C-alpha atoms as a PDB file:
ATOM      1  CA  MET A   1       8.931   0.687 -16.810  1.00  0.00           C
ATOM      2  CA  LYS A   2       6.487   3.384 -15.683  1.00  0.00           C
ATOM      3  CA  SER A   3       6.465   2.958 -11.936  1.00  0.00           C
ATOM      4  CA  LEU A   4       3.556   3.576  -9.615  1.00  0.00           C
ATOM      5  CA  PHE A   5       5.568   6.324  -7.985  1.00  0.00           C
ATOM      6  CA  GLU A   6       6.234   8.083 -11.303  1.00  0.00           C
ATOM      7  CA  THR A   7       2.593   7.779 -12.284  1.00  0.00           C
ATOM      8  CA  VAL A   8       1.301   9.270  -9.031  1.00  0.00           C
ATOM      9  CA  ILE A   9       3.770  12.164  -9.133  1.00  0.00           C
ATOM     10  CA  SER A  10       3.416  13.083 -12.789  1.00  0.00           C
ATOM     11  CA  GLY A  11      -0.252  12.293 -13.305  1.00  0.00           C
ATOM     12  CA  THR A  12       0.704  11.436 -16.875  1.00  0.00           C
ATOM     13  CA  PRO A  13      -2.354  10.264 -18.828  1.00  0.00           C
ATOM     14  CA  LYS A  14      -2.418   6.880 -20.499  1.00  0.00           C
ATOM     15  CA  ARG A  15      -1.522   6.946 -24.180  1.00  0.00           C
ATOM     16  CA  THR A  16      -3.662   4.380 -25.987  1.00  0.00           C
ATOM     17  CA  SER A  17      -7.452   4.408 -26.169  1.00  0.00           C
ATOM     18  CA  HIS A  18      -7.540   1.017 -24.482  1.00  0.00           C
ATOM     19  CA  ALA A  19      -5.324   2.196 -21.623  1.00  0.00           C
ATOM     20  CA  GLN A  20      -7.353   5.383 -21.186  1.00  0.00           C
ATOM     21  CA  VAL A  21     -10.624   3.485 -20.909  1.00  0.00           C
ATOM     22  CA  VAL A  22      -9.145   0.997 -18.436  1.00  0.00           C
ATOM     23  CA  ASP A  23      -7.734   3.879 -16.407  1.00  0.00           C
ATOM     24  CA  GLN A  24     -10.950   5.914 -16.328  1.00  0.00           C
ATOM     25  CA  LEU A  25     -13.217   2.961 -15.642  1.00  0.00           C
ATOM     26  CA  GLY A  26     -10.857   1.669 -12.971  1.00  0.00           C
ATOM     27  CA  LYS A  27     -10.910   5.018 -11.184  1.00  0.00           C
ATOM     28  CA  ALA A  28     -14.701   5.196 -11.487  1.00  0.00           C
ATOM     29  CA  ILE A  29     -15.001   1.795  -9.820  1.00  0.00           C
ATOM     30  CA  VAL A  30     -12.480   2.525  -7.057  1.00  0.00           C
ATOM     31  CA  SER A  31     -14.079   5.912  -6.325  1.00  0.00           C
ATOM     32  CA  GLY A  32     -17.506   4.325  -5.972  1.00  0.00           C
ATOM     33  CA  GLU A  33     -19.067   6.008  -8.990  1.00  0.00           C
ATOM     34  CA  PHE A  34     -19.818   2.434 -10.026  1.00  0.00           C
ATOM     35  CA  PRO A  35     -20.218   0.781  -6.600  1.00  0.00           C
ATOM     36  CA  VAL A  36     -19.566  -2.812  -5.695  1.00  0.00           C
ATOM     37  CA  GLY A  37     -22.406  -5.039  -6.876  1.00  0.00           C
ATOM     38  CA  SER A  38     -23.678  -2.575  -9.468  1.00  0.00           C
ATOM     39  CA  ILE A  39     -24.105  -3.329 -13.154  1.00  0.00           C
ATOM     40  CA  LEU A  40     -22.039  -1.127 -15.446  1.00  0.00           C
ATOM     41  CA  PRO A  41     -23.827   0.850 -18.163  1.00  0.00           C
ATOM     42  CA  GLY A  42     -24.215  -0.939 -21.481  1.00  0.00           C
ATOM     43  CA  ASP A  43     -21.696  -0.881 -24.297  1.00  0.00           C
ATOM     44  CA  PRO A  44     -23.428   1.901 -26.292  1.00  0.00           C
ATOM     45  CA  GLU A  45     -23.457   4.264 -23.312  1.00  0.00           C
ATOM     46  CA  LEU A  46     -19.851   3.553 -22.268  1.00  0.00           C
ATOM     47  CA  ALA A  47     -18.583   3.704 -25.842  1.00  0.00           C
ATOM     48  CA  ALA A  48     -20.184   7.126 -26.191  1.00  0.00           C
ATOM     49  CA  ARG A  49     -18.825   8.286 -22.836  1.00  0.00           C
ATOM     50  CA  PHE A  50     -15.243   7.376 -23.666  1.00  0.00           C
ATOM     51  CA  ARG A  51     -15.560   8.019 -27.416  1.00  0.00           C
ATOM     52  CA  VAL A  52     -14.125   4.654 -28.387  1.00  0.00           C
ATOM     53  CA  SER A  53     -15.286   1.722 -30.446  1.00  0.00           C
ATOM     54  CA  ARG A  54     -17.070  -1.210 -28.860  1.00  0.00           C
ATOM     55  CA  THR A  55     -14.022  -3.333 -29.686  1.00  0.00           C
ATOM     56  CA  VAL A  56     -11.778  -1.099 -27.577  1.00  0.00           C
ATOM     57  CA  LEU A  57     -14.368  -1.062 -24.802  1.00  0.00           C
ATOM     58  CA  ARG A  58     -14.676  -4.832 -24.716  1.00  0.00           C
ATOM     59  CA  GLU A  59     -10.891  -5.240 -24.544  1.00  0.00           C
ATOM     60  CA  ALA A  60     -10.851  -2.804 -21.647  1.00  0.00           C
ATOM     61  CA  MET A  61     -13.495  -4.872 -19.877  1.00  0.00           C
ATOM     62  CA  LYS A  62     -11.358  -7.978 -20.340  1.00  0.00           C
ATOM     63  CA  THR A  63      -8.447  -6.163 -18.703  1.00  0.00           C
ATOM     64  CA  LEU A  64     -10.570  -5.105 -15.721  1.00  0.00           C
ATOM     65  CA  ALA A  65     -11.947  -8.638 -15.437  1.00  0.00           C
ATOM     66  CA  ALA A  66      -8.387  -9.977 -15.325  1.00  0.00           C
ATOM     67  CA  LYS A  67      -7.717  -7.632 -12.406  1.00  0.00           C
ATOM     68  CA  GLY A  68     -10.726  -9.125 -10.607  1.00  0.00           C
ATOM     69  CA  MET A  69     -12.761  -5.905 -10.653  1.00  0.00           C
ATOM     70  CA  VAL A  70     -15.650  -6.891 -12.916  1.00  0.00           C
ATOM     71  CA  VAL A  71     -17.358 -10.039 -14.090  1.00  0.00           C
ATOM     72  CA  PRO A  72     -19.619 -10.377 -17.153  1.00  0.00           C
ATOM     73  CA  ARG A  73     -22.994 -12.032 -16.720  1.00  0.00           C
ATOM     74  CA  ALA A  74     -24.963 -13.322 -19.695  1.00  0.00           C
ATOM     75  CA  ARG A  75     -28.197 -11.370 -20.254  1.00  0.00           C
ATOM     76  CA  ILE A  76     -27.463  -9.269 -17.160  1.00  0.00           C
ATOM     77  CA  GLY A  77     -24.395  -7.179 -17.901  1.00  0.00           C
ATOM     78  CA  THR A  78     -21.006  -6.559 -16.358  1.00  0.00           C
ATOM     79  CA  ARG A  79     -21.083  -6.467 -12.567  1.00  0.00           C
ATOM     80  CA  VAL A  80     -18.572  -4.758 -10.279  1.00  0.00           C
ATOM     81  CA  THR A  81     -17.134  -7.405  -7.972  1.00  0.00           C
ATOM     82  CA  SER A  82     -16.489  -7.251  -4.253  1.00  0.00           C
ATOM     83  CA  ARG A  83     -13.280  -5.479  -3.253  1.00  0.00           C
ATOM     84  CA  LYS A  84     -11.990  -8.708  -1.738  1.00  0.00           C
ATOM     85  CA  ASP A  85     -11.818 -10.109  -5.268  1.00  0.00           C
ATOM     86  CA  TRP A  86      -9.643  -7.275  -6.597  1.00  0.00           C
ATOM     87  CA  ASN A  87      -5.970  -7.961  -7.200  1.00  0.00           C
ATOM     88  CA  LEU A  88      -4.491  -5.391  -4.810  1.00  0.00           C
ATOM     89  CA  PHE A  89      -1.002  -6.415  -5.893  1.00  0.00           C
ATOM     90  CA  ASP A  90      -1.828  -4.867  -9.278  1.00  0.00           C
ATOM     91  CA  SER A  91      -0.017  -1.543  -9.778  1.00  0.00           C
ATOM     92  CA  ASP A  92      -2.944  -0.030 -11.704  1.00  0.00           C
ATOM     93  CA  ILE A  93      -5.387  -0.725  -8.886  1.00  0.00           C
ATOM     94  CA  LEU A  94      -2.966   0.749  -6.373  1.00  0.00           C
ATOM     95  CA  THR A  95      -2.523   3.831  -8.577  1.00  0.00           C
ATOM     96  CA  TRP A  96      -6.304   4.289  -8.791  1.00  0.00           C
ATOM     97  CA  HIS A  97      -6.595   4.173  -5.017  1.00  0.00           C
ATOM     98  CA  PHE A  98      -4.087   6.980  -4.678  1.00  0.00           C
ATOM     99  CA  ALA A  99      -5.769   8.954  -7.447  1.00  0.00           C
ATOM    100  CA  CYS A 100      -9.114   8.670  -5.650  1.00  0.00           C
ATOM    101  CA  GLY A 101      -7.690   9.260  -2.174  1.00  0.00           C
ATOM    102  CA  VAL A 102      -6.528   6.746   0.414  1.00  0.00           C
ATOM    103  CA  ASP A 103      -7.314   6.673   4.115  1.00  0.00           C
ATOM    104  CA  GLU A 104      -5.502   5.534   7.233  1.00  0.00           C
ATOM    105  CA  ASP A 105      -6.859   1.998   7.013  1.00  0.00           C
ATOM    106  CA  PHE A 106      -5.536   1.548   3.489  1.00  0.00           C
ATOM    107  CA  LEU A 107      -2.035   2.713   4.430  1.00  0.00           C
ATOM    108  CA  HIS A 108      -2.125   0.751   7.684  1.00  0.00           C
ATOM    109  CA  HIS A 109      -2.912  -2.431   5.774  1.00  0.00           C
ATOM    110  CA  LEU A 110       0.031  -1.717   3.472  1.00  0.00           C
ATOM    111  CA  SER A 111       2.356  -1.383   6.456  1.00  0.00           C
ATOM    112  CA  GLU A 112       1.085  -4.690   7.849  1.00  0.00           C
ATOM    113  CA  VAL A 113       1.928  -6.418   4.580  1.00  0.00           C
ATOM    114  CA  ARG A 114       5.373  -4.833   4.610  1.00  0.00           C
ATOM    115  CA  LEU A 115       5.992  -6.065   8.157  1.00  0.00           C
ATOM    116  CA  ALA A 116       5.045  -9.565   7.072  1.00  0.00           C
ATOM    117  CA  PHE A 117       7.078  -9.707   3.857  1.00  0.00           C
ATOM    118  CA  GLU A 118       9.983  -7.295   4.139  1.00  0.00           C
ATOM    119  CA  THR A 119      11.209  -8.336   7.551  1.00  0.00           C
ATOM    120  CA  HIS A 120      11.438 -11.906   6.299  1.00  0.00           C
ATOM    121  CA  ALA A 121      13.127 -10.711   3.096  1.00  0.00           C
ATOM    122  CA  ALA A 122      15.769  -8.964   5.202  1.00  0.00           C
ATOM    123  CA  ALA A 123      16.367 -12.154   7.187  1.00  0.00           C
ATOM    124  CA  LEU A 124      16.691 -14.152   3.969  1.00  0.00           C
ATOM    125  CA  ALA A 125      19.087 -11.542   2.574  1.00  0.00           C
ATOM    126  CA  ALA A 126      21.281 -12.050   5.646  1.00  0.00           C
ATOM    127  CA  ARG A 127      21.336 -15.724   4.757  1.00  0.00           C
ATOM    128  CA  ASN A 128      21.568 -15.573   0.957  1.00  0.00           C
ATOM    129  CA  ALA A 129      22.893 -12.220  -0.253  1.00  0.00           C
ATOM    130  CA  THR A 130      26.139 -12.200  -2.185  1.00  0.00           C
ATOM    131  CA  GLU A 131      28.914  -9.795  -1.260  1.00  0.00           C
ATOM    132  CA  ALA A 132      28.149  -7.840  -4.419  1.00  0.00           C
ATOM    133  CA  GLU A 133      24.492  -7.503  -3.401  1.00  0.00           C
ATOM    134  CA  ILE A 134      25.488  -6.363   0.071  1.00  0.00           C
ATOM    135  CA  ALA A 135      27.784  -3.747  -1.452  1.00  0.00           C
ATOM    136  CA  THR A 136      24.942  -2.542  -3.679  1.00  0.00           C
ATOM    137  CA  MET A 137      22.537  -2.271  -0.754  1.00  0.00           C
ATOM    138  CA  MET A 138      25.106  -0.322   1.272  1.00  0.00           C
ATOM    139  CA  ARG A 139      25.682   2.056  -1.631  1.00  0.00           C
ATOM    140  CA  LEU A 140      21.935   2.642  -1.931  1.00  0.00           C
ATOM    141  CA  ALA A 141      21.561   3.160   1.830  1.00  0.00           C
ATOM    142  CA  VAL A 142      24.423   5.663   1.965  1.00  0.00           C
ATOM    143  CA  ALA A 143      22.989   7.496  -1.065  1.00  0.00           C
ATOM    144  CA  MET A 144      19.826   8.120   0.930  1.00  0.00           C
ATOM    145  CA  GLY A 145      21.842  10.485   3.121  1.00  0.00           C
ATOM    146  CA  ASP A 146      22.522  12.927   0.281  1.00  0.00           C
ATOM    147  CA  ALA A 147      21.622  16.352   1.689  1.00  0.00           C
ATOM    148  CA  SER A 148      20.447  17.540  -1.738  1.00  0.00           C
ATOM    149  CA  HIS A 149      17.532  15.101  -1.804  1.00  0.00           C
ATOM    150  CA  THR A 150      14.071  16.422  -2.491  1.00  0.00           C
ATOM    151  CA  ALA A 151      11.039  14.551  -1.180  1.00  0.00           C
ATOM    152  CA  GLU A 152      10.664  12.932  -4.607  1.00  0.00           C
ATOM    153  CA  THR A 153      14.290  11.851  -5.066  1.00  0.00           C
ATOM    154  CA  LEU A 154      14.500  10.514  -1.511  1.00  0.00           C
ATOM    155  CA  ALA A 155      11.378   8.426  -2.043  1.00  0.00           C
ATOM    156  CA  VAL A 156      12.858   6.996  -5.257  1.00  0.00           C
ATOM    157  CA  ALA A 157      16.136   6.200  -3.450  1.00  0.00           C
ATOM    158  CA  ASP A 158      14.133   4.562  -0.655  1.00  0.00           C
ATOM    159  CA  LEU A 159      12.264   2.404  -3.150  1.00  0.00           C
ATOM    160  CA  LYS A 160      15.475   1.283  -4.876  1.00  0.00           C
ATOM    161  CA  PHE A 161      16.883   0.175  -1.549  1.00  0.00           C
ATOM    162  CA  HIS A 162      13.872  -1.871  -0.525  1.00  0.00           C
ATOM    163  CA  LEU A 163      13.612  -3.548  -3.916  1.00  0.00           C
ATOM    164  CA  ALA A 164      17.305  -4.433  -3.673  1.00  0.00           C
ATOM    165  CA  VAL A 165      16.648  -6.182  -0.351  1.00  0.00           C
ATOM    166  CA  LEU A 166      13.839  -8.182  -1.944  1.00  0.00           C
ATOM    167  CA  ASP A 167      16.194  -9.197  -4.759  1.00  0.00           C
ATOM    168  CA  ALA A 168      18.925 -10.135  -2.294  1.00  0.00           C
ATOM    169  CA  SER A 169      16.547 -12.424  -0.413  1.00  0.00           C
ATOM    170  CA  GLY A 170      16.943 -14.931  -3.211  1.00  0.00           C
ATOM    171  CA  ASN A 171      13.208 -15.631  -3.229  1.00  0.00           C
ATOM    172  CA  PRO A 172      11.613 -14.616  -6.553  1.00  0.00           C
ATOM    173  CA  PHE A 173       8.135 -14.574  -5.052  1.00  0.00           C
ATOM    174  CA  LEU A 174       9.093 -11.797  -2.657  1.00  0.00           C
ATOM    175  CA  ARG A 175      10.043  -9.548  -5.546  1.00  0.00           C
ATOM    176  CA  THR A 176       6.401  -9.567  -6.678  1.00  0.00           C
ATOM    177  CA  VAL A 177       5.369  -7.568  -3.601  1.00  0.00           C
ATOM    178  CA  GLY A 178       7.404  -4.642  -4.889  1.00  0.00           C
ATOM    179  CA  SER A 179       4.298  -2.780  -6.050  1.00  0.00           C
ATOM    180  CA  LEU A 180       2.867  -2.885  -2.521  1.00  0.00           C
ATOM    181  CA  ILE A 181       6.075  -1.504  -1.068  1.00  0.00           C
ATOM    182  CA  GLU A 182       6.084   1.204  -3.695  1.00  0.00           C
ATOM    183  CA  ALA A 183       2.490   2.090  -2.815  1.00  0.00           C
ATOM    184  CA  ALA A 184       3.382   2.384   0.862  1.00  0.00           C
ATOM    185  CA  LEU A 185       6.291   4.689   0.042  1.00  0.00           C
ATOM    186  CA  VAL A 186       4.047   6.766  -2.204  1.00  0.00           C
ATOM    187  CA  GLY A 187       1.699   7.140   0.740  1.00  0.00           C
ATOM    188  CA  VAL A 188       4.497   8.394   2.975  1.00  0.00           C
ATOM    189  CA  PHE A 189       5.742  10.742   0.250  1.00  0.00           C
ATOM    190  CA  LYS A 190       2.322  12.293  -0.298  1.00  0.00           C
ATOM    191  CA  LEU A 191       1.703  12.861   3.415  1.00  0.00           C
ATOM    192  CA  SER A 192       5.119  13.844   4.732  1.00  0.00           C
ATOM    193  CA  SER A 193       8.816  13.480   4.029  1.00  0.00           C
ATOM    194  CA  PRO A 194      11.981  13.319   6.142  1.00  0.00           C
ATOM    195  CA  THR A 195      13.248  16.175   3.956  1.00  0.00           C
ATOM    196  CA  ASP A 196      10.793  18.417   5.811  1.00  0.00           C
ATOM    197  CA  GLU A 197      12.671  18.015   9.093  1.00  0.00           C
ATOM    198  CA  LYS A 198      16.161  18.977  10.216  1.00  0.00           C
ATOM    199  CA  GLY A 199      18.267  15.836  10.365  1.00  0.00           C
ATOM    200  CA  GLY A 200      15.502  13.754   8.843  1.00  0.00           C
ATOM    201  CA  ILE A 201      17.522  12.610   5.848  1.00  0.00           C
ATOM    202  CA  ASP A 202      20.486  11.600   8.028  1.00  0.00           C
ATOM    203  CA  GLU A 203      18.235   9.568  10.302  1.00  0.00           C
ATOM    204  CA  VAL A 204      16.646   7.744   7.388  1.00  0.00           C
ATOM    205  CA  ALA A 205      20.062   6.908   5.951  1.00  0.00           C
ATOM    206  CA  ARG A 206      21.329   5.620   9.312  1.00  0.00           C
ATOM    207  CA  ASN A 207      18.300   3.391   9.749  1.00  0.00           C
ATOM    208  CA  HIS A 208      18.796   1.827   6.326  1.00  0.00           C
ATOM    209  CA  ILE A 209      22.553   1.463   6.757  1.00  0.00           C
ATOM    210  CA  ARG A 210      21.831  -0.517   9.930  1.00  0.00           C
ATOM    211  CA  ILE A 211      19.783  -2.995   7.900  1.00  0.00           C
ATOM    212  CA  VAL A 212      22.726  -3.606   5.582  1.00  0.00           C
ATOM    213  CA  GLU A 213      25.144  -3.894   8.489  1.00  0.00           C
ATOM    214  CA  GLU A 214      23.012  -6.645  10.026  1.00  0.00           C
ATOM    215  CA  ILE A 215      22.723  -8.380   6.659  1.00  0.00           C
ATOM    216  CA  GLY A 216      26.501  -8.110   6.222  1.00  0.00           C
ATOM    217  CA  LYS A 217      27.012  -9.760   9.633  1.00  0.00           C
ATOM    218  CA  ARG A 218      24.710 -12.576   8.472  1.00  0.00           C
ATOM    219  CA  ASP A 219      22.533 -11.850  11.490  1.00  0.00           C
ATOM    220  CA  GLU A 220      19.027 -12.878  10.412  1.00  0.00           C
ATOM    221  CA  VAL A 221      17.363 -11.751  13.647  1.00  0.00           C
ATOM    222  CA  GLY A 222      19.168  -8.431  13.595  1.00  0.00           C
ATOM    223  CA  ALA A 223      18.302  -7.816   9.938  1.00  0.00           C
ATOM    224  CA  ARG A 224      14.667  -8.613  10.607  1.00  0.00           C
ATOM    225  CA  GLN A 225      14.552  -6.220  13.572  1.00  0.00           C
ATOM    226  CA  ALA A 226      16.310  -3.430  11.664  1.00  0.00           C
ATOM    227  CA  MET A 227      13.847  -3.697   8.799  1.00  0.00           C
ATOM    228  CA  GLU A 228      10.923  -3.766  11.211  1.00  0.00           C
ATOM    229  CA  TYR A 229      12.185  -0.552  12.792  1.00  0.00           C
ATOM    230  CA  VAL A 230      12.362   1.209   9.403  1.00  0.00           C
ATOM    231  CA  ILE A 231       8.847   0.156   8.411  1.00  0.00           C
ATOM    232  CA  LYS A 232       7.400   1.226  11.757  1.00  0.00           C
ATOM    233  CA  TYR A 233       9.269   4.518  11.478  1.00  0.00           C
ATOM    234  CA  GLY A 234       7.504   5.207   8.183  1.00  0.00           C
ATOM    235  CA  ARG A 235       4.181   4.080   9.623  1.00  0.00           C
ATOM    236  CA  ASP A 236       4.585   6.473  12.541  1.00  0.00           C
ATOM    237  CA  ARG A 237       5.287   9.340  10.146  1.00  0.00           C
ATOM    238  CA  ILE A 238       1.963   8.642   8.445  1.00  0.00           C
ATOM    239  CA  GLN A 239       0.276   8.475  11.837  1.00  0.00           C
ATOM    240  CA  LYS A 240       1.590  11.908  12.760  1.00  0.00           C
ATOM    241  CA  ALA A 241       0.522  13.367   9.421  1.00  0.00           C
ATOM    242  CA  PHE A 242      -3.023  12.069   9.866  1.00  0.00           C
ATOM    243  CA  ASP A 243      -3.072  13.284  13.478  1.00  0.00           C
ATOM    244  CA  VAL A 244      -2.230  16.789  12.332  1.00  0.00           C
ATOM    245  CA  GLU A 245      -5.016  16.705   9.726  1.00  0.00           C
ATOM    246  CA  SER A 246      -7.601  15.251  12.116  1.00  0.00           C
ATOM    247  CA  GLY A 247      -6.677  17.241  15.219  1.00  0.00           C
ATOM    248  CA  GLY A 248      -5.349  14.209  17.030  1.00  0.00           C
ATOM    249  CA  ASN A 249      -8.318  11.883  16.552  1.00  0.00           C
ATOM    250  CA  SER A 250      -6.544   9.360  14.342  1.00  0.00           C
ATOM    251  CA  ASP A 251      -6.442   5.677  15.300  1.00  0.00           C
ATOM    252  CA  PHE A 252      -3.870   4.629  12.698  1.00  0.00           C
ATOM    253  CA  ALA A 253      -1.372   3.006  15.073  1.00  0.00           C
END
């Protein structure tokens, strides 16, 4: 599986013609080159732009329509839909946002979703996790304290931990929010990293170990609070990064 995190870091281009057209058109829509409410250029123009057949182009349009980004209209053309209709759980759409540049509001909204879903997942894990799952989560939390971590490897370790908590919740629907969590962690990675600060890695590991300790005690309230602390810690790191860039005029918190 090519993760959102791997895609953002590597910038690896899509391989097939279909994937390339979807990727380029998606970015053009997210960036506002083709704004909400506009009608996309006709098939001949787009086929020439991307140097693909009309068949490939039409399949790409079907993919974008399935993501909620465009809608075909008979005798009118293909219209870019309102952003509220886009499937923001879709990893491609999240990747395009990061490729085009995200702002404080975007990352703040991600943290709000995490606070809603992940705190409850932690509480459910305290109720439902098996001993084997608890052992796995503790291993992942301890591994986050490895002093040799780079910003990239720490972010990957962080992601593995949070996905393990979602799995341990026992609720399969919660696992589907993994792409949003990954996007939030990508945002933190791109702006700042605990590896940049003395003792930062140790603090991150301790915070995550506390989550597992509360889950291991079967303390649902404690697990929820520990997860909330970790998410807010990451949110505050983003706040500080934006404050530095804006000279202290950020209103992220």
